[in-house]
Amino acid sequence: MDQIYKQFRIIRKQKGYTLKTLSEITGIPFQRISEIEKGQAVPKQEYKEKLEQVLGVNLFDDTLKDQEISDLFESFYSKMFYGNLNITELADQVNYLYENALDSKYHYLTFVMKYAFEVMNANEKVLDDRNLKNIDFDRRAYHIYQIYKAKSLYERKNLVQAKELLMQVIANSLDEKIQSIAQYQLIFIWIDEYQLLEASSLIEKAKRTFIEYGAFLRVHECNLHQAHICACEHRYAYAVELYEKCVCSALSMNLPPAEIARIYREIAIYSIFDGNYTKALQALDLASALEENNEDTILYYLYVYYYIHDLEKFRYWLLIAKELELKGSLKIELEFWQLISKKQFISSAKVIEKANKIYDYYAKEKDYERLFFYTEIILSLYDQINDVKNKYMFIEKEKEILAFIYDS
């Protein structure tokens, strides 16, 4: 029963059928198909034949034929390139292939895929592929494994090894799609290392392939990277323009509201940096309509109303934040901005005391990017009161933080 459930669910999704559409095509009651998929019912022969005819596979055999395994891999490979394969689907497909192909000529392929998935999800596991070296692989499967291994290394902040692995794939693969996926993963590393020219060059290369094959979700993701690079270069107005184009493409592809709201928040924050508070508020209103009570949206509203000195609306959003009991780090930031907004009534020493508490909080959390942000604020406050000794101390702290960020 469990085998039927795994097989049926995965193949149904691969073929692009929902339970509802499959019910309409086969004439099998929706509830009955749902029970079959959950392993709660054994389909009668009539239902088996109808389902197998529509899905085009011997659905209820205990083993898969080589062609069916090959088709499943091709579907996985295609979804990986087009960017619409989530981690749950990946787990289902790889495990299913692995369990059903051990006695077929595709056993090497499924072994590599299974190992790639395990590597990608490992936490502190040593990445060791010695046991793969004597297998006569399908080269695409091996390169997919290398890409996922590099992704795992990147997530553990091991940028050097991840970069080397991806560059090997780009140099050795003859498959344009594999090369483009490796280039896409390499973009993240170049941006993290602030190698923006290299990142831009790779984006253009990857985009050309994605456009050629109609992988528009990947093109959209590349455009988001381009907008981010512009923001890193302090070209905020142009970054906002690119993000606005990304909103249009996200809407055309019916991406989830939360993803569209995230892009609107990017527009808002870089509009703030550009001094365009009207555009920032418009973007935040749209983000809020798509995703209510998002912490970042509330924080950006507070930034805007602080900068335009609208204390009434600033306090309104601060009240919302407190009512929602947002997590500690955000509440500390909100309290800080509340003090800053009233700084004409508070001594500089009090503001510095509060800022130092926030600094200590983020030091404990090892959030080095925010530490750097608050170091800049504290330095400016020490400038105001002409405290040279403490200013020098924080300059040294700032150097240590920057060194850590670049080293990691």
Protein backbone atom coordinates (compact mmCIF):
# COMPACT_ATOMS: atom_id res chain seq x y z
CA MET A 1 0.00 0.00 0.00
CA ASP A 2 2.79 2.41 0.91
CA GLN A 3 4.52 1.64 -2.40
CA ILE A 4 1.35 2.43 -4.36
CA TYR A 5 1.02 5.72 -2.49
CA LYS A 6 4.60 6.83 -3.24
CA GLN A 7 4.44 5.80 -6.88
CA PHE A 8 1.02 7.25 -7.61
CA ARG A 9 1.61 10.62 -5.97
CA ILE A 10 5.00 11.21 -7.61
CA ILE A 11 3.94 10.17 -11.11
CA ARG A 12 0.69 12.16 -10.89
CA LYS A 13 2.68 15.29 -10.02
CA GLN A 14 5.24 14.55 -12.73
CA LYS A 15 2.48 14.40 -15.34
CA GLY A 16 1.02 17.67 -14.09
CA TYR A 17 -2.35 16.37 -12.87
CA THR A 18 -4.17 17.53 -9.77
CA LEU A 19 -6.54 15.16 -8.00
CA LYS A 20 -9.45 17.16 -9.39
CA THR A 21 -8.34 17.06 -13.04
CA LEU A 22 -7.47 13.36 -12.80
CA SER A 23 -10.95 12.68 -11.43
CA GLU A 24 -12.56 14.62 -14.27
CA ILE A 25 -10.54 12.80 -16.96
CA THR A 26 -10.92 9.26 -15.61
CA GLY A 27 -14.42 9.54 -14.18
CA ILE A 28 -13.13 8.09 -10.90
CA PRO A 29 -14.59 9.87 -7.85
CA PHE A 30 -12.24 12.49 -6.38
CA GLN A 31 -12.51 10.94 -2.90
CA ARG A 32 -11.59 7.48 -4.24
CA ILE A 33 -8.45 8.82 -6.00
CA SER A 34 -7.47 10.62 -2.80
CA GLU A 35 -7.85 7.39 -0.78
CA ILE A 36 -5.75 5.45 -3.33
CA GLU A 37 -3.01 8.09 -3.17
CA LYS A 38 -2.96 8.01 0.64
CA GLY A 39 -2.77 4.21 0.68
CA GLN A 40 -6.20 3.95 2.28
CA ALA A 41 -7.80 1.95 -0.55
CA VAL A 42 -6.77 -0.67 -3.14
CA PRO A 43 -7.99 0.38 -6.60
CA LYS A 44 -10.19 -2.08 -8.42
CA GLN A 45 -9.00 -3.32 -11.82
CA GLU A 46 -11.21 -0.87 -13.73
CA TYR A 47 -9.71 2.08 -11.88
CA LYS A 48 -6.17 0.71 -12.31
CA GLU A 49 -6.60 0.51 -16.07
CA LYS A 50 -8.04 4.03 -16.34
CA LEU A 51 -5.31 5.58 -14.19
CA GLU A 52 -2.52 3.75 -16.02
CA GLN A 53 -3.97 4.74 -19.40
CA VAL A 54 -4.10 8.46 -18.49
CA LEU A 55 -0.71 8.55 -16.74
CA GLY A 56 0.96 6.38 -19.39
CA VAL A 57 2.79 4.03 -16.99
CA ASN A 58 2.32 0.62 -15.41
CA LEU A 59 1.36 2.37 -12.26
CA PHE A 60 0.66 -0.52 -9.92
CA ASP A 61 3.60 -2.79 -10.76
CA ASP A 62 5.97 -3.47 -7.87
CA THR A 63 8.99 -2.50 -9.95
CA LEU A 64 9.63 0.18 -12.52
CA LYS A 65 10.89 -0.47 -16.02
CA ASP A 66 14.12 1.13 -17.18
CA GLN A 67 12.25 3.53 -19.49
CA GLU A 68 10.01 4.70 -16.65
CA ILE A 69 13.05 5.34 -14.45
CA SER A 70 14.70 7.23 -17.29
CA ASP A 71 11.55 9.32 -17.80
CA LEU A 72 11.39 10.19 -14.09
CA PHE A 73 15.01 11.27 -14.11
CA GLU A 74 14.47 13.39 -17.24
CA SER A 75 11.52 15.05 -15.54
CA PHE A 76 13.59 15.76 -12.43
CA TYR A 77 16.44 17.11 -14.55
CA SER A 78 14.05 19.36 -16.48
CA LYS A 79 12.42 20.72 -13.33
CA MET A 80 15.84 21.40 -11.83
CA PHE A 81 16.72 23.53 -14.86
CA TYR A 82 13.41 25.37 -15.01
CA GLY A 83 13.55 26.20 -11.32
CA ASN A 84 10.20 24.77 -10.20
CA LEU A 85 11.33 21.77 -8.16
CA ASN A 86 10.94 22.20 -4.41
CA ILE A 87 12.76 20.25 -1.72
CA THR A 88 9.78 18.00 -0.90
CA GLU A 89 9.39 16.95 -4.51
CA LEU A 90 13.13 16.39 -4.71
CA ALA A 91 13.05 14.09 -1.67
CA ASP A 92 10.09 12.12 -3.02
CA GLN A 93 11.54 11.67 -6.48
CA VAL A 94 15.09 10.78 -5.47
CA ASN A 95 14.02 8.32 -2.79
CA TYR A 96 11.48 6.73 -5.11
CA LEU A 97 14.03 6.34 -7.90
CA TYR A 98 16.56 4.92 -5.46
CA GLU A 99 14.15 2.34 -4.04
CA ASN A 100 12.89 1.16 -7.42
CA ALA A 101 15.96 1.14 -9.63
CA LEU A 102 18.55 -0.85 -7.68
CA ASP A 103 18.14 -3.88 -9.95
CA SER A 104 17.96 -1.92 -13.19
CA LYS A 105 20.62 -0.60 -15.51
CA TYR A 106 19.98 2.82 -13.93
CA HIS A 107 21.20 1.83 -10.47
CA TYR A 108 24.30 4.03 -10.81
CA LEU A 109 22.19 7.07 -11.66
CA THR A 110 19.85 6.66 -8.71
CA PHE A 111 22.76 6.00 -6.37
CA VAL A 112 24.34 9.32 -7.35
CA MET A 113 21.03 11.16 -6.98
CA LYS A 114 20.40 9.64 -3.55
CA TYR A 115 23.89 10.59 -2.42
CA ALA A 116 23.46 14.13 -3.78
CA PHE A 117 20.27 14.57 -1.78
CA GLU A 118 21.88 13.26 1.42
CA VAL A 119 24.88 15.56 0.95
CA MET A 120 22.67 18.58 0.34
CA ASN A 121 20.75 17.99 3.56
CA ALA A 122 23.71 17.11 5.77
CA ASN A 123 24.50 19.49 8.64
CA GLU A 124 28.03 18.72 9.78
CA LYS A 125 28.53 15.56 7.71
CA VAL A 126 31.90 15.27 5.96
CA LEU A 127 31.39 15.55 2.22
CA ASP A 128 33.22 12.55 0.81
CA ASP A 129 32.60 11.18 -2.68
CA ARG A 130 35.32 8.51 -2.75
CA ASN A 131 32.68 5.79 -3.07
CA LEU A 132 31.43 7.42 -6.29
CA LYS A 133 34.71 7.41 -8.18
CA ASN A 134 34.61 3.84 -9.51
CA ILE A 135 31.10 4.08 -10.92
CA ASP A 136 30.53 4.59 -14.63
CA PHE A 137 28.12 7.52 -14.25
CA ASP A 138 25.68 9.20 -16.45
CA ARG A 139 27.67 12.46 -16.54
CA ARG A 140 24.60 14.66 -16.09
CA ALA A 141 23.70 12.83 -12.88
CA TYR A 142 27.23 13.27 -11.57
CA HIS A 143 27.26 16.98 -12.42
CA ILE A 144 23.90 17.42 -10.70
CA TYR A 145 25.43 15.73 -7.66
CA GLN A 146 28.38 18.17 -7.81
CA ILE A 147 26.05 21.17 -8.02
CA TYR A 148 24.10 20.05 -4.96
CA LYS A 149 27.32 19.32 -3.12
CA ALA A 150 28.53 22.85 -3.94
CA LYS A 151 25.21 24.24 -2.73
CA SER A 152 25.65 22.39 0.55
CA LEU A 153 29.19 23.75 0.93
CA TYR A 154 27.95 27.28 0.17
CA GLU A 155 25.25 27.04 2.83
CA ARG A 156 27.97 26.10 5.33
CA LYS A 157 29.95 29.20 4.28
CA ASN A 158 32.68 27.14 2.64
CA LEU A 159 32.82 29.44 -0.38
CA VAL A 160 36.24 28.42 -1.72
CA GLN A 161 35.42 24.71 -2.13
CA ALA A 162 31.92 25.46 -3.43
CA LYS A 163 33.36 27.82 -6.05
CA GLU A 164 35.98 25.31 -7.17
CA LEU A 165 33.37 22.57 -7.55
CA LEU A 166 31.01 24.74 -9.60
CA MET A 167 33.81 25.92 -11.87
CA GLN A 168 34.74 22.28 -12.49
CA VAL A 169 31.17 21.56 -13.57
CA ILE A 170 31.14 24.58 -15.90
CA ALA A 171 34.47 23.51 -17.46
CA ASN A 172 33.69 19.78 -17.76
CA SER A 173 30.00 19.61 -18.64
CA LEU A 174 28.99 19.60 -22.29
CA ASP A 175 25.36 20.18 -21.35
CA GLU A 176 24.27 23.83 -21.64
CA LYS A 177 21.55 23.39 -19.04
CA ILE A 178 23.94 21.91 -16.47
CA GLN A 179 26.42 24.72 -17.16
CA SER A 180 23.71 27.35 -16.65
CA ILE A 181 22.58 25.86 -13.34
CA ALA A 182 26.20 25.79 -12.13
CA GLN A 183 26.66 29.40 -13.26
CA TYR A 184 23.47 30.37 -11.46
CA GLN A 185 24.75 28.85 -8.19
CA LEU A 186 28.13 30.53 -8.68
CA ILE A 187 26.41 33.94 -8.85
CA PHE A 188 25.56 33.70 -5.13
CA ILE A 189 29.24 33.16 -4.27
CA TRP A 190 30.49 36.05 -6.41
CA ILE A 191 27.94 38.38 -4.81
CA ASP A 192 28.89 37.23 -1.30
CA GLU A 193 32.55 37.88 -2.15
CA TYR A 194 31.54 41.26 -3.57
CA GLN A 195 32.91 40.28 -6.99
CA LEU A 196 30.07 42.15 -8.68
CA LEU A 197 31.61 42.36 -12.16
CA GLU A 198 32.09 38.57 -12.25
CA ALA A 199 28.57 38.04 -10.93
CA SER A 200 27.09 40.32 -13.62
CA SER A 201 28.98 38.49 -16.35
CA LEU A 202 27.70 35.10 -15.14
CA ILE A 203 24.13 36.39 -14.91
CA GLU A 204 24.25 37.41 -18.57
CA LYS A 205 25.63 34.01 -19.62
CA ALA A 206 23.07 32.07 -17.60
CA LYS A 207 20.21 34.29 -18.76
CA ARG A 208 20.97 33.68 -22.43
CA THR A 209 20.57 29.93 -21.94
CA PHE A 210 17.49 30.30 -19.74
CA ILE A 211 15.83 32.56 -22.33
CA GLU A 212 16.72 30.19 -25.17
CA TYR A 213 15.01 27.27 -23.41
CA GLY A 214 12.09 29.29 -22.03
CA ALA A 215 13.11 28.91 -18.37
CA PHE A 216 11.41 32.17 -17.41
CA LEU A 217 11.41 31.55 -13.66
CA ARG A 218 15.22 31.32 -13.82
CA VAL A 219 15.34 34.48 -15.96
CA HIS A 220 13.25 36.22 -13.28
CA GLU A 221 15.68 35.06 -10.57
CA CYS A 222 18.64 36.35 -12.61
CA ASN A 223 16.91 39.73 -12.94
CA LEU A 224 16.53 39.83 -9.14
CA HIS A 225 20.27 39.24 -8.83
CA GLN A 226 20.96 42.09 -11.27
CA ALA A 227 18.81 44.44 -9.21
CA HIS A 228 20.61 43.38 -6.04
CA ILE A 229 24.00 44.05 -7.65
CA CYS A 230 22.88 47.56 -8.64
CA ALA A 231 21.86 48.16 -5.02
CA CYS A 232 25.29 46.93 -3.83
CA GLU A 233 26.85 49.48 -6.19
CA HIS A 234 24.66 52.20 -4.58
CA ARG A 235 22.72 52.74 -7.83
CA TYR A 236 19.49 52.74 -5.87
CA ALA A 237 17.20 54.40 -8.43
CA TYR A 238 18.21 51.90 -11.13
CA ALA A 239 17.89 49.00 -8.66
CA VAL A 240 14.32 50.10 -7.88
CA GLU A 241 13.56 50.25 -11.62
CA LEU A 242 14.82 46.67 -12.08
CA TYR A 243 12.88 45.43 -9.07
CA GLU A 244 9.71 46.98 -10.52
CA LYS A 245 10.27 44.95 -13.71
CA CYS A 246 10.70 41.87 -11.52
CA VAL A 247 7.29 42.55 -9.95
CA CYS A 248 5.75 42.49 -13.44
CA SER A 249 7.40 39.17 -14.31
CA ALA A 250 6.43 37.69 -10.92
CA LEU A 251 2.79 38.68 -11.50
CA SER A 252 2.82 37.25 -15.03
CA MET A 253 4.09 33.91 -13.67
CA ASN A 254 1.55 33.89 -10.81
CA LEU A 255 4.26 33.60 -8.18
CA PRO A 256 3.08 33.37 -4.53
CA PRO A 257 1.93 36.65 -2.94
CA ALA A 258 4.67 36.37 -0.29
CA GLU A 259 7.35 36.38 -3.02
CA ILE A 260 5.83 39.45 -4.71
CA ALA A 261 5.58 41.18 -1.33
CA ARG A 262 9.28 40.46 -0.75
CA ILE A 263 10.15 42.26 -4.01
CA TYR A 264 8.00 45.23 -3.01
CA ARG A 265 9.98 45.42 0.24
CA GLU A 266 13.20 45.55 -1.78
CA ILE A 267 11.72 48.45 -3.75
CA ALA A 268 10.81 50.14 -0.46
CA ILE A 269 14.18 49.83 1.25
CA TYR A 270 16.16 51.05 -1.77
CA SER A 271 13.68 53.88 -2.33
CA ILE A 272 14.40 54.88 1.27
CA PHE A 273 18.14 54.82 0.54
CA ASP A 274 17.46 56.94 -2.58
CA GLY A 275 15.41 59.43 -0.54
CA ASN A 276 12.20 58.65 -2.47
CA TYR A 277 9.89 58.16 0.53
CA THR A 278 6.69 58.47 -1.51
CA LYS A 279 7.65 55.49 -3.68
CA ALA A 280 8.78 53.59 -0.56
CA LEU A 281 5.36 54.05 1.08
CA GLN A 282 3.56 52.98 -2.11
CA ALA A 283 5.64 49.80 -2.26
CA LEU A 284 5.07 49.08 1.43
CA ASP A 285 1.31 49.52 1.03
CA LEU A 286 1.34 46.95 -1.78
CA ALA A 287 3.54 44.57 0.23
CA SER A 288 1.26 44.91 3.25
CA ALA A 289 -1.81 44.16 1.12
CA LEU A 290 -0.19 40.96 -0.16
CA GLU A 291 1.28 39.79 3.16
CA GLU A 292 -0.13 41.22 6.36
CA ASN A 293 1.94 41.81 9.50
CA ASN A 294 5.31 41.00 7.97
CA GLU A 295 8.08 42.09 10.35
CA ASP A 296 10.27 43.67 7.69
CA THR A 297 7.35 45.60 6.21
CA ILE A 298 6.52 47.05 9.64
CA LEU A 299 10.17 47.92 10.25
CA TYR A 300 10.43 49.71 6.87
CA TYR A 301 7.27 51.69 7.61
CA LEU A 302 8.99 52.83 10.81
CA TYR A 303 12.12 53.83 8.90
CA VAL A 304 10.11 55.93 6.46
CA TYR A 305 8.02 57.70 9.08
CA TYR A 306 11.14 58.38 11.13
CA TYR A 307 12.90 59.95 8.14
CA ILE A 308 9.91 62.14 7.19
CA HIS A 309 9.37 63.07 10.87
CA ASP A 310 5.79 61.76 10.99
CA LEU A 311 5.77 60.75 14.67
CA GLU A 312 2.03 60.02 14.71
CA LYS A 313 2.28 57.29 12.08
CA PHE A 314 5.60 56.15 13.52
CA ARG A 315 3.88 55.49 16.86
CA TYR A 316 0.95 53.80 15.07
CA TRP A 317 3.24 51.21 13.46
CA LEU A 318 5.22 50.83 16.67
CA LEU A 319 1.97 49.99 18.45
CA ILE A 320 1.14 47.36 15.82
CA ALA A 321 4.58 45.81 16.26
CA LYS A 322 4.15 45.58 20.01
CA GLU A 323 0.63 44.17 19.71
CA LEU A 324 1.95 41.45 17.39
CA GLU A 325 4.73 40.65 19.88
CA LEU A 326 7.31 40.47 17.15
CA LYS A 327 10.48 38.56 17.89
CA GLY A 328 13.13 40.02 20.18
CA SER A 329 15.59 41.35 17.64
CA LEU A 330 12.96 43.40 15.87
CA LYS A 331 11.45 44.75 19.11
CA ILE A 332 14.89 45.94 20.19
CA GLU A 333 15.33 47.75 16.88
CA LEU A 334 11.90 49.34 17.19
CA GLU A 335 12.67 50.56 20.70
CA PHE A 336 15.91 52.02 19.41
CA TRP A 337 14.21 53.91 16.60
CA GLN A 338 11.61 55.14 19.08
CA LEU A 339 14.39 56.68 21.13
CA ILE A 340 16.04 58.15 18.06
CA SER A 341 12.74 59.71 17.00
CA LYS A 342 12.57 61.49 20.35
CA LYS A 343 16.26 62.26 20.61
CA GLN A 344 15.59 65.97 20.97
CA PHE A 345 14.20 65.07 24.44
CA ILE A 346 16.94 62.58 25.39
CA SER A 347 20.60 63.09 26.14
CA SER A 348 23.16 61.63 23.72
CA ALA A 349 24.49 59.46 26.56
CA LYS A 350 21.10 57.76 26.90
CA VAL A 351 20.91 57.08 23.19
CA ILE A 352 24.44 55.65 23.23
CA GLU A 353 23.55 53.45 26.20
CA LYS A 354 20.58 52.03 24.27
CA ALA A 355 22.62 51.56 21.10
CA ASN A 356 25.30 49.69 23.06
CA LYS A 357 22.65 47.33 24.47
CA ILE A 358 21.50 46.58 20.94
CA TYR A 359 25.13 46.08 19.89
CA ASP A 360 25.65 43.57 22.71
CA TYR A 361 22.46 41.75 21.71
CA TYR A 362 23.61 41.26 18.11
CA ALA A 363 27.12 40.32 19.26
CA LYS A 364 25.56 37.51 21.29
CA GLU A 365 23.46 36.48 18.27
CA LYS A 366 26.58 36.67 16.03
CA ASP A 367 24.66 38.81 13.54
CA TYR A 368 27.72 40.58 12.11
CA GLU A 369 25.95 42.53 9.38
CA ARG A 370 23.70 44.24 11.93
CA LEU A 371 26.69 44.70 14.25
CA PHE A 372 28.41 46.66 11.49
CA PHE A 373 25.26 48.77 10.99
CA TYR A 374 25.05 49.66 14.70
CA THR A 375 28.79 50.31 14.93
CA GLU A 376 28.30 53.05 12.32
CA ILE A 377 25.44 54.55 14.36
CA ILE A 378 27.43 54.46 17.60
CA LEU A 379 30.44 56.10 15.93
CA SER A 380 28.25 58.96 14.74
CA LEU A 381 26.84 59.37 18.25
CA TYR A 382 30.32 59.53 19.78
CA ASP A 383 31.13 62.16 17.15
CA GLN A 384 28.21 64.25 18.40
CA ILE A 385 29.52 64.29 21.98
CA ASN A 386 33.20 64.42 20.91
CA ASP A 387 34.13 61.24 22.83
CA VAL A 388 37.41 60.40 21.06
CA LYS A 389 38.39 57.49 23.33
CA ASN A 390 35.21 55.47 22.82
CA LYS A 391 35.07 56.41 19.16
CA TYR A 392 38.53 54.92 18.64
CA MET A 393 37.49 51.75 20.48
CA PHE A 394 34.51 51.28 18.15
CA ILE A 395 36.62 51.94 15.07
CA GLU A 396 38.74 48.95 16.11
CA LYS A 397 35.57 46.89 16.66
CA GLU A 398 34.34 47.90 13.23
CA LYS A 399 37.59 46.64 11.65
CA GLU A 400 37.22 43.29 13.44
CA ILE A 401 33.61 42.93 12.26
CA LEU A 402 34.53 43.75 8.66
CA ALA A 403 37.44 41.28 8.77
CA PHE A 404 35.11 38.55 10.03
CA ILE A 405 32.47 39.29 7.34
CA TYR A 406 35.03 39.14 4.53
CA ASP A 407 36.80 36.06 5.92
CA SER A 408 33.55 34.12 6.23
